[in-house]
Amino acid sequence: MNSLINKQVDVRKVGLIAYQEAWDEQERLFSTVVNQKLRNRTRSVDEQQPTTNYLLFCEHPPVYTLGTSGHAENLLIDETRLATELGATFFKIRRGGDITFHGPGQLVGYPILDLDNFFTDIHRYMRLLEESIILTLADYGLKAGRIEGLTGVWLGFDGDPDQKTGPARKICAMGVKASRWVTMHGFALNVNTDLRYFDHIVPCGITDKSVTSLAVELGHEVPLDEVANTVQRHLFGLFDMKPVENIR
């Protein structure tokens, strides 16, 4: 076995954090991992060090983010009104996907993984992220799945044999960036999210489908930490990850 392979993941549950602050922390950790990989290239085998993997769980004050492949017109309110009327901020960021919303009651996960520790396949990576959410929702009695050609996790998805689940509605958005097989950004699962914020955007650039949350589907709120622990359990199982102590 390659001694540089490290499947341990440093999980950090940081609670409510400003989007810019979380972005800066992601960039810092991302750079740390990439720089370690670059240093290993200049060292002998005996001197090389394994890279570290991170998983950040958090929630944000109200914020809209637009990915590199997104369209600004999918923000249906100007930035001045967005700030004064909604108390929200807006960022253009380097990730895949279009526009989405983050806010209190939404579980946001940022895996910063060196995929050389697991597998070098972005398609597989995205599908396993989706699968971790699908399995989490199944634990709450919800049947979720995928829609062909669209990223994320849906209720009322393609091929759902149980038509009682209703029309297609998105419960988890995803958008990632990867460089040198190191990932950042991730997923946003609507748990207790105020869905009225989505009225001011075309979520993920999709005009003919709605959004939902775990609380709406179940009829009651669910503790965010409880959901984070469930997602973590499924991520660890799917990726064969192992925990490490949170040492800062």
Protein backbone atom coordinates (compact mmCIF):
# COMPACT_ATOMS: atom_id res chain seq x y z
CA MET A 1 0.00 0.00 0.00
CA ASN A 2 1.16 3.52 -0.80
CA SER A 3 2.33 5.00 2.52
CA LEU A 4 1.21 8.46 1.35
CA ILE A 5 -2.44 7.42 1.12
CA ASN A 6 -4.32 9.09 3.97
CA LYS A 7 -8.04 8.40 4.40
CA GLN A 8 -8.29 10.27 7.68
CA VAL A 9 -10.50 13.37 7.60
CA ASP A 10 -10.38 16.32 9.99
CA VAL A 11 -14.06 17.19 10.56
CA ARG A 12 -14.73 20.75 11.73
CA LYS A 13 -18.22 21.84 12.76
CA VAL A 14 -17.94 25.60 12.84
CA GLY A 15 -21.59 26.64 13.24
CA LEU A 16 -22.88 29.95 11.85
CA ILE A 17 -20.10 31.71 9.95
CA ALA A 18 -20.00 34.58 7.44
CA TYR A 19 -19.63 33.36 3.87
CA GLN A 20 -16.44 35.33 3.23
CA GLU A 21 -14.84 33.95 6.38
CA ALA A 22 -15.71 30.38 5.39
CA TRP A 23 -14.45 31.00 1.86
CA ASP A 24 -11.15 32.32 3.20
CA GLU A 25 -10.76 29.27 5.45
CA GLN A 26 -11.50 26.95 2.54
CA GLU A 27 -8.90 28.71 0.42
CA ARG A 28 -6.35 28.46 3.24
CA LEU A 29 -6.89 24.72 3.76
CA PHE A 30 -7.04 24.09 0.01
CA SER A 31 -3.69 25.85 -0.45
CA THR A 32 -2.19 23.87 2.43
CA VAL A 33 -3.12 20.58 0.76
CA VAL A 34 -2.01 21.63 -2.73
CA ASN A 35 1.31 23.01 -1.44
CA GLN A 36 2.01 19.73 0.36
CA LYS A 37 1.46 17.85 -2.88
CA LEU A 38 3.84 20.20 -4.70
CA ARG A 39 6.50 19.82 -1.98
CA ASN A 40 6.26 16.04 -2.25
CA ARG A 41 7.21 16.29 -5.91
CA THR A 42 10.57 17.82 -4.98
CA ARG A 43 11.39 15.36 -2.19
CA SER A 44 12.68 11.83 -2.04
CA VAL A 45 10.17 9.11 -1.22
CA ASP A 46 11.40 8.93 2.38
CA GLU A 47 10.87 12.67 2.86
CA GLN A 48 7.36 12.89 1.43
CA GLN A 49 4.41 13.53 3.77
CA PRO A 50 0.75 12.51 3.34
CA THR A 51 -1.75 15.25 2.58
CA THR A 52 -4.53 16.11 5.02
CA ASN A 53 -8.26 15.92 4.24
CA TYR A 54 -10.85 18.25 5.77
CA LEU A 55 -14.63 18.36 6.04
CA LEU A 56 -16.23 21.61 7.18
CA PHE A 57 -19.86 21.73 8.31
CA CYS A 58 -21.44 25.16 8.80
CA GLU A 59 -24.38 27.44 8.11
CA HIS A 60 -24.27 30.97 6.74
CA PRO A 61 -26.11 34.25 7.24
CA PRO A 62 -28.27 34.93 4.15
CA VAL A 63 -26.09 34.94 1.03
CA TYR A 64 -26.50 34.26 -2.69
CA THR A 65 -23.59 32.74 -4.62
CA LEU A 66 -23.10 32.50 -8.37
CA GLY A 67 -20.82 29.87 -9.92
CA THR A 68 -18.54 30.35 -12.89
CA SER A 69 -21.01 28.74 -15.29
CA GLY A 70 -23.95 30.72 -13.90
CA HIS A 71 -25.93 33.65 -15.30
CA ALA A 72 -26.26 36.92 -13.40
CA GLU A 73 -29.83 37.38 -14.65
CA ASN A 74 -30.87 34.46 -12.43
CA LEU A 75 -30.60 36.89 -9.52
CA LEU A 76 -34.05 38.51 -9.69
CA ILE A 77 -33.35 41.39 -7.32
CA ASP A 78 -30.65 44.05 -7.54
CA GLU A 79 -27.83 43.94 -5.00
CA THR A 80 -28.94 47.13 -3.24
CA ARG A 81 -32.43 45.80 -2.54
CA LEU A 82 -30.91 42.42 -1.73
CA ALA A 83 -28.93 44.04 1.09
CA THR A 84 -31.53 46.50 2.37
CA GLU A 85 -34.67 44.38 2.08
CA LEU A 86 -33.33 40.87 2.62
CA GLY A 87 -30.21 41.54 4.69
CA ALA A 88 -28.33 39.28 2.29
CA THR A 89 -25.00 39.44 0.46
CA PHE A 90 -23.93 38.27 -2.99
CA PHE A 91 -20.73 36.59 -4.21
CA LYS A 92 -19.43 35.37 -7.56
CA ILE A 93 -17.30 32.32 -6.81
CA ARG A 94 -15.07 29.78 -8.53
CA ARG A 95 -17.18 26.65 -8.45
CA GLY A 96 -19.41 24.77 -10.84
CA GLY A 97 -23.12 25.45 -11.02
CA ASP A 98 -25.35 28.50 -11.26
CA ILE A 99 -26.90 30.63 -8.51
CA THR A 100 -27.99 29.33 -5.15
CA PHE A 101 -28.89 30.56 -1.67
CA HIS A 102 -27.30 29.83 1.69
CA GLY A 103 -28.87 30.83 4.98
CA PRO A 104 -29.60 29.85 8.58
CA GLY A 105 -31.10 26.39 8.93
CA GLN A 106 -29.26 25.08 5.90
CA LEU A 107 -26.49 22.51 6.37
CA VAL A 108 -23.50 23.44 4.23
CA GLY A 109 -20.68 20.94 3.76
CA TYR A 110 -17.27 21.80 2.35
CA PRO A 111 -15.11 18.70 1.74
CA ILE A 112 -11.50 19.70 1.09
CA LEU A 113 -10.17 16.33 0.02
CA ASP A 114 -7.08 15.18 -1.82
CA LEU A 115 -8.76 12.72 -4.16
CA ASP A 116 -5.41 11.00 -4.64
CA ASN A 117 -6.20 9.56 -1.20
CA PHE A 118 -9.45 8.05 -2.47
CA PHE A 119 -9.96 7.97 -6.27
CA THR A 120 -9.26 10.41 -9.08
CA ASP A 121 -12.69 10.66 -10.68
CA ILE A 122 -14.73 13.88 -10.33
CA HIS A 123 -17.89 12.27 -11.72
CA ARG A 124 -17.69 9.53 -9.11
CA TYR A 125 -16.94 12.13 -6.44
CA MET A 126 -20.09 14.11 -7.28
CA ARG A 127 -22.27 10.99 -7.37
CA LEU A 128 -21.01 9.89 -3.95
CA LEU A 129 -21.69 13.32 -2.49
CA GLU A 130 -25.23 13.02 -3.83
CA GLU A 131 -25.51 9.48 -2.50
CA SER A 132 -24.56 10.60 1.02
CA ILE A 133 -27.51 13.01 0.97
CA ILE A 134 -29.87 10.44 -0.55
CA LEU A 135 -28.99 7.98 2.22
CA THR A 136 -29.38 10.69 4.86
CA LEU A 137 -32.85 11.58 3.62
CA ALA A 138 -33.78 7.89 3.56
CA ASP A 139 -32.96 7.79 7.29
CA TYR A 140 -35.71 10.39 7.72
CA GLY A 141 -38.16 8.38 5.63
CA LEU A 142 -37.81 10.44 2.44
CA LYS A 143 -37.22 8.91 -0.98
CA ALA A 144 -34.74 11.12 -2.80
CA GLY A 145 -32.77 10.68 -6.00
CA ARG A 146 -31.24 12.29 -9.07
CA ILE A 147 -32.58 13.92 -12.23
CA GLU A 148 -30.63 13.18 -15.39
CA GLY A 149 -28.55 16.14 -16.52
CA LEU A 150 -29.02 18.05 -13.26
CA THR A 151 -26.67 18.08 -10.28
CA GLY A 152 -27.93 17.75 -6.72
CA VAL A 153 -30.55 15.74 -4.87
CA TRP A 154 -34.26 15.84 -5.58
CA LEU A 155 -37.62 14.62 -4.35
CA GLY A 156 -40.02 13.58 -7.12
CA PHE A 157 -36.97 12.52 -9.15
CA ASP A 158 -36.68 10.74 -12.51
CA GLY A 159 -37.67 7.10 -12.37
CA ASP A 160 -39.30 7.36 -8.96
CA PRO A 161 -41.72 4.41 -8.90
CA ASP A 162 -43.74 6.02 -6.09
CA GLN A 163 -45.71 8.86 -7.65
CA LYS A 164 -46.90 9.95 -4.18
CA THR A 165 -43.66 11.89 -3.77
CA GLY A 166 -45.10 14.68 -5.91
CA PRO A 167 -43.49 17.05 -8.43
CA ALA A 168 -39.74 17.48 -8.73
CA ARG A 169 -38.28 19.73 -6.04
CA LYS A 170 -34.65 20.25 -5.10
CA ILE A 171 -33.58 19.70 -1.52
CA CYS A 172 -29.79 19.79 -1.89
CA ALA A 173 -27.65 21.89 -4.23
CA MET A 174 -24.07 21.03 -5.14
CA GLY A 175 -21.16 22.85 -6.73
CA VAL A 176 -17.48 21.97 -6.51
CA LYS A 177 -14.08 23.09 -7.66
CA ALA A 178 -11.07 20.79 -8.03
CA SER A 179 -7.45 21.48 -8.84
CA ARG A 180 -4.61 18.95 -8.74
CA TRP A 181 -7.32 16.53 -7.52
CA VAL A 182 -7.97 18.65 -4.41
CA THR A 183 -11.61 19.65 -3.92
CA MET A 184 -13.38 22.59 -2.35
CA HIS A 185 -16.92 23.98 -2.08
CA GLY A 186 -19.51 21.20 -1.80
CA PHE A 187 -23.20 20.84 -0.92
CA ALA A 188 -26.04 22.80 0.68
CA LEU A 189 -28.86 20.74 2.20
CA ASN A 190 -32.06 22.57 3.07
CA VAL A 191 -32.92 21.39 6.57
CA ASN A 192 -34.83 24.20 8.31
CA THR A 193 -34.15 26.83 5.64
CA ASP A 194 -36.52 29.76 5.07
CA LEU A 195 -37.45 28.92 1.48
CA ARG A 196 -38.85 32.41 0.78
CA TYR A 197 -35.29 33.52 -0.02
CA PHE A 198 -35.39 31.31 -3.11
CA ASP A 199 -38.20 33.50 -4.52
CA HIS A 200 -35.56 36.07 -5.50
CA ILE A 201 -33.49 33.77 -7.73
CA VAL A 202 -33.88 31.12 -10.39
CA PRO A 203 -32.34 28.37 -8.24
CA CYS A 204 -29.43 26.74 -10.05
CA GLY A 205 -30.76 28.32 -13.25
CA ILE A 206 -33.69 25.85 -13.37
CA THR A 207 -37.01 27.54 -14.16
CA ASP A 208 -39.49 24.65 -14.07
CA LYS A 209 -38.79 23.05 -10.70
CA SER A 210 -39.15 24.14 -7.07
CA VAL A 211 -37.13 23.81 -3.88
CA THR A 212 -37.99 22.19 -0.58
CA SER A 213 -36.49 21.42 2.83
CA LEU A 214 -36.38 18.58 5.30
CA ALA A 215 -38.60 20.57 7.68
CA VAL A 216 -41.24 21.17 4.99
CA GLU A 217 -41.29 17.52 3.97
CA LEU A 218 -41.47 16.20 7.54
CA GLY A 219 -43.71 18.92 8.96
CA HIS A 220 -41.29 19.82 11.75
CA GLU A 221 -37.78 21.16 12.23
CA VAL A 222 -34.80 18.84 12.66
CA PRO A 223 -31.63 19.65 14.68
CA LEU A 224 -28.89 20.67 12.27
CA ASP A 225 -26.19 18.87 14.25
CA GLU A 226 -28.19 15.65 14.05
CA VAL A 227 -28.39 15.91 10.26
CA ALA A 228 -24.67 16.78 10.03
CA ASN A 229 -23.79 13.67 12.01
CA THR A 230 -25.92 11.53 9.70
CA VAL A 231 -24.38 13.00 6.55
CA GLN A 232 -20.91 12.50 8.02
CA ARG A 233 -21.65 8.85 8.79
CA HIS A 234 -22.71 8.19 5.22
CA LEU A 235 -19.81 10.14 3.71
CA PHE A 236 -17.35 8.17 5.81
CA GLY A 237 -18.93 4.90 4.72
CA LEU A 238 -19.06 5.74 1.01
CA PHE A 239 -15.50 7.11 0.86
CA ASP A 240 -13.99 4.68 3.39
CA MET A 241 -12.92 7.69 5.45
CA LYS A 242 -11.58 7.60 8.97
CA PRO A 243 -11.89 10.34 11.64
CA VAL A 244 -9.05 12.25 13.24
CA GLU A 245 -8.98 14.41 16.32
CA ASN A 246 -9.69 18.07 15.59
CA ILE A 247 -6.29 19.63 16.25
CA ARG A 248 -6.01 23.25 15.10
